[in-house]
Amino acid sequence: MPDPTDKRARPVCGAERAYAAKTVADVVVAEAEKEWDAHLGKRRMTQLREALTLLREITDPYA
């Protein structure tokens, strides 16, 4: 359906299954981050996040 405020845009509505999958994925990501944090420690985990964020500049065309 067209966006009422911008005729060029088309809003994307996720399906119910997509929202359920995202919920599961969020739990898995949180568990992995907790494990990495325990292994690396707070300081190195912060450095990892910063490095990954910087890499988006050269890997994500939408960043």
N, C-alpha and C. Protein backbone atom coordinates (compact mmCIF):
# COMPACT_ATOMS: atom_id res chain seq x y z
N MET A 1 0.85 -1.18 0.00
CA MET A 1 0.00 0.00 0.00
C MET A 1 0.89 1.24 0.00
N PRO A 2 0.50 2.26 -0.69
CA PRO A 2 1.31 3.48 -0.75
C PRO A 2 1.36 4.19 0.60
N ASP A 3 2.48 4.85 0.83
CA ASP A 3 2.64 5.67 2.04
C ASP A 3 1.83 6.94 1.83
N PRO A 4 0.94 7.30 2.76
CA PRO A 4 0.09 8.48 2.56
C PRO A 4 0.87 9.80 2.57
N THR A 5 2.07 9.82 3.15
CA THR A 5 2.84 11.07 3.22
C THR A 5 3.93 11.16 2.16
N ASP A 6 4.24 10.04 1.50
CA ASP A 6 5.30 10.03 0.48
C ASP A 6 4.94 9.00 -0.58
N LYS A 7 4.46 9.47 -1.69
CA LYS A 7 3.95 8.57 -2.74
C LYS A 7 5.04 7.67 -3.34
N ARG A 8 6.32 8.02 -3.14
CA ARG A 8 7.41 7.18 -3.65
C ARG A 8 7.66 5.98 -2.75
N ALA A 9 7.31 6.07 -1.49
CA ALA A 9 7.62 5.04 -0.51
C ALA A 9 6.52 3.99 -0.42
N ARG A 10 6.91 2.82 -0.01
CA ARG A 10 5.96 1.73 0.23
C ARG A 10 6.30 1.12 1.60
N PRO A 11 5.46 1.33 2.60
CA PRO A 11 5.73 0.75 3.92
C PRO A 11 5.78 -0.78 3.83
N VAL A 12 6.64 -1.35 4.61
CA VAL A 12 6.75 -2.80 4.66
C VAL A 12 6.14 -3.26 5.98
N CYS A 13 5.21 -4.19 5.88
CA CYS A 13 4.57 -4.74 7.07
C CYS A 13 5.02 -6.19 7.22
N GLY A 14 5.62 -6.49 8.35
CA GLY A 14 6.09 -7.85 8.59
C GLY A 14 4.93 -8.79 8.86
N ALA A 15 5.11 -10.02 8.44
CA ALA A 15 4.10 -11.04 8.71
C ALA A 15 4.24 -11.51 10.15
N GLU A 16 3.20 -12.12 10.66
CA GLU A 16 3.22 -12.61 12.04
C GLU A 16 4.37 -13.58 12.26
N ARG A 17 4.64 -14.43 11.27
CA ARG A 17 5.75 -15.38 11.38
C ARG A 17 7.10 -14.66 11.46
N ALA A 18 7.20 -13.55 10.76
CA ALA A 18 8.45 -12.78 10.79
C ALA A 18 8.69 -12.22 12.19
N TYR A 19 7.66 -11.72 12.81
CA TYR A 19 7.81 -11.20 14.18
C TYR A 19 8.16 -12.32 15.16
N ALA A 20 7.59 -13.49 14.98
CA ALA A 20 7.91 -14.63 15.84
C ALA A 20 9.37 -15.04 15.64
N ALA A 21 9.82 -15.06 14.40
CA ALA A 21 11.21 -15.42 14.11
C ALA A 21 12.17 -14.40 14.71
N LYS A 22 11.81 -13.12 14.65
CA LYS A 22 12.67 -12.08 15.22
C LYS A 22 12.77 -12.24 16.73
N THR A 23 11.70 -12.60 17.36
CA THR A 23 11.72 -12.81 18.81
C THR A 23 12.70 -13.93 19.17
N VAL A 24 12.64 -15.02 18.43
CA VAL A 24 13.57 -16.14 18.66
C VAL A 24 15.00 -15.69 18.39
N ALA A 25 15.21 -14.99 17.28
CA ALA A 25 16.55 -14.53 16.92
C ALA A 25 17.12 -13.59 17.99
N ASP A 26 16.29 -12.71 18.53
CA ASP A 26 16.75 -11.80 19.58
C ASP A 26 17.25 -12.56 20.80
N VAL A 27 16.58 -13.64 21.16
CA VAL A 27 17.01 -14.46 22.30
C VAL A 27 18.36 -15.12 22.01
N VAL A 28 18.50 -15.66 20.81
CA VAL A 28 19.75 -16.32 20.42
C VAL A 28 20.91 -15.32 20.42
N VAL A 29 20.68 -14.14 19.87
CA VAL A 29 21.72 -13.11 19.84
C VAL A 29 22.10 -12.72 21.27
N ALA A 30 21.13 -12.52 22.13
CA ALA A 30 21.41 -12.15 23.52
C ALA A 30 22.24 -13.22 24.22
N GLU A 31 21.93 -14.49 23.97
CA GLU A 31 22.70 -15.58 24.58
C GLU A 31 24.14 -15.58 24.08
N ALA A 32 24.32 -15.38 22.77
CA ALA A 32 25.67 -15.34 22.21
C ALA A 32 26.46 -14.17 22.76
N GLU A 33 25.83 -13.01 22.84
CA GLU A 33 26.51 -11.83 23.38
C GLU A 33 26.89 -12.01 24.84
N LYS A 34 26.04 -12.67 25.59
CA LYS A 34 26.35 -12.93 27.01
C LYS A 34 27.56 -13.85 27.12
N GLU A 35 27.61 -14.88 26.27
CA GLU A 35 28.74 -15.82 26.28
C GLU A 35 30.03 -15.11 25.86
N TRP A 36 29.95 -14.30 24.81
CA TRP A 36 31.13 -13.57 24.35
C TRP A 36 31.60 -12.59 25.41
N ASP A 37 30.67 -11.91 26.06
CA ASP A 37 31.01 -10.95 27.11
C ASP A 37 31.72 -11.65 28.27
N ALA A 38 31.24 -12.83 28.64
CA ALA A 38 31.88 -13.58 29.73
C ALA A 38 33.30 -14.00 29.34
N HIS A 39 33.48 -14.34 28.08
CA HIS A 39 34.79 -14.80 27.61
C HIS A 39 35.76 -13.64 27.40
N LEU A 40 35.28 -12.55 26.79
CA LEU A 40 36.15 -11.43 26.45
C LEU A 40 36.29 -10.40 27.56
N GLY A 41 35.28 -10.27 28.37
CA GLY A 41 35.27 -9.20 29.38
C GLY A 41 34.63 -7.95 28.80
N LYS A 42 34.22 -7.07 29.69
CA LYS A 42 33.49 -5.86 29.28
C LYS A 42 34.29 -4.98 28.33
N ARG A 43 35.56 -4.73 28.66
CA ARG A 43 36.38 -3.82 27.86
C ARG A 43 36.56 -4.34 26.44
N ARG A 44 36.93 -5.60 26.30
CA ARG A 44 37.17 -6.16 24.97
C ARG A 44 35.87 -6.32 24.19
N MET A 45 34.78 -6.60 24.88
CA MET A 45 33.49 -6.69 24.20
C MET A 45 33.11 -5.32 23.64
N THR A 46 33.37 -4.27 24.40
CA THR A 46 33.12 -2.91 23.92
C THR A 46 33.98 -2.62 22.70
N GLN A 47 35.24 -3.03 22.74
CA GLN A 47 36.13 -2.84 21.59
C GLN A 47 35.62 -3.60 20.37
N LEU A 48 35.13 -4.82 20.58
CA LEU A 48 34.59 -5.61 19.48
C LEU A 48 33.41 -4.90 18.84
N ARG A 49 32.49 -4.42 19.67
CA ARG A 49 31.32 -3.70 19.14
C ARG A 49 31.75 -2.47 18.34
N GLU A 50 32.74 -1.73 18.87
CA GLU A 50 33.22 -0.53 18.19
C GLU A 50 33.85 -0.90 16.84
N ALA A 51 34.65 -1.96 16.82
CA ALA A 51 35.30 -2.39 15.57
C ALA A 51 34.25 -2.82 14.55
N LEU A 52 33.26 -3.57 14.98
CA LEU A 52 32.21 -4.01 14.06
C LEU A 52 31.40 -2.84 13.53
N THR A 53 31.16 -1.85 14.38
CA THR A 53 30.45 -0.66 13.94
C THR A 53 31.26 0.09 12.89
N LEU A 54 32.57 0.20 13.09
CA LEU A 54 33.43 0.86 12.11
C LEU A 54 33.45 0.12 10.79
N LEU A 55 33.40 -1.19 10.83
CA LEU A 55 33.40 -1.99 9.60
C LEU A 55 32.14 -1.78 8.76
N ARG A 56 31.08 -1.35 9.39
CA ARG A 56 29.85 -1.07 8.63
C ARG A 56 30.09 -0.01 7.57
N GLU A 57 31.04 0.91 7.83
CA GLU A 57 31.32 1.98 6.88
C GLU A 57 31.74 1.42 5.51
N ILE A 58 32.39 0.26 5.49
CA ILE A 58 32.86 -0.29 4.23
C ILE A 58 32.07 -1.52 3.77
N THR A 59 31.14 -1.97 4.59
CA THR A 59 30.39 -3.18 4.22
C THR A 59 28.90 -2.97 4.05
N ASP A 60 28.37 -1.90 4.61
CA ASP A 60 26.92 -1.68 4.57
C ASP A 60 26.61 -0.44 3.73
N PRO A 61 26.09 -0.64 2.54
CA PRO A 61 25.81 0.52 1.69
C PRO A 61 24.69 1.42 2.22
N TYR A 62 23.94 0.97 3.20
CA TYR A 62 22.83 1.75 3.76
C TYR A 62 23.18 2.39 5.10
N ALA A 63 24.41 2.22 5.57
CA ALA A 63 24.80 2.76 6.88
C ALA A 63 24.88 4.26 6.84
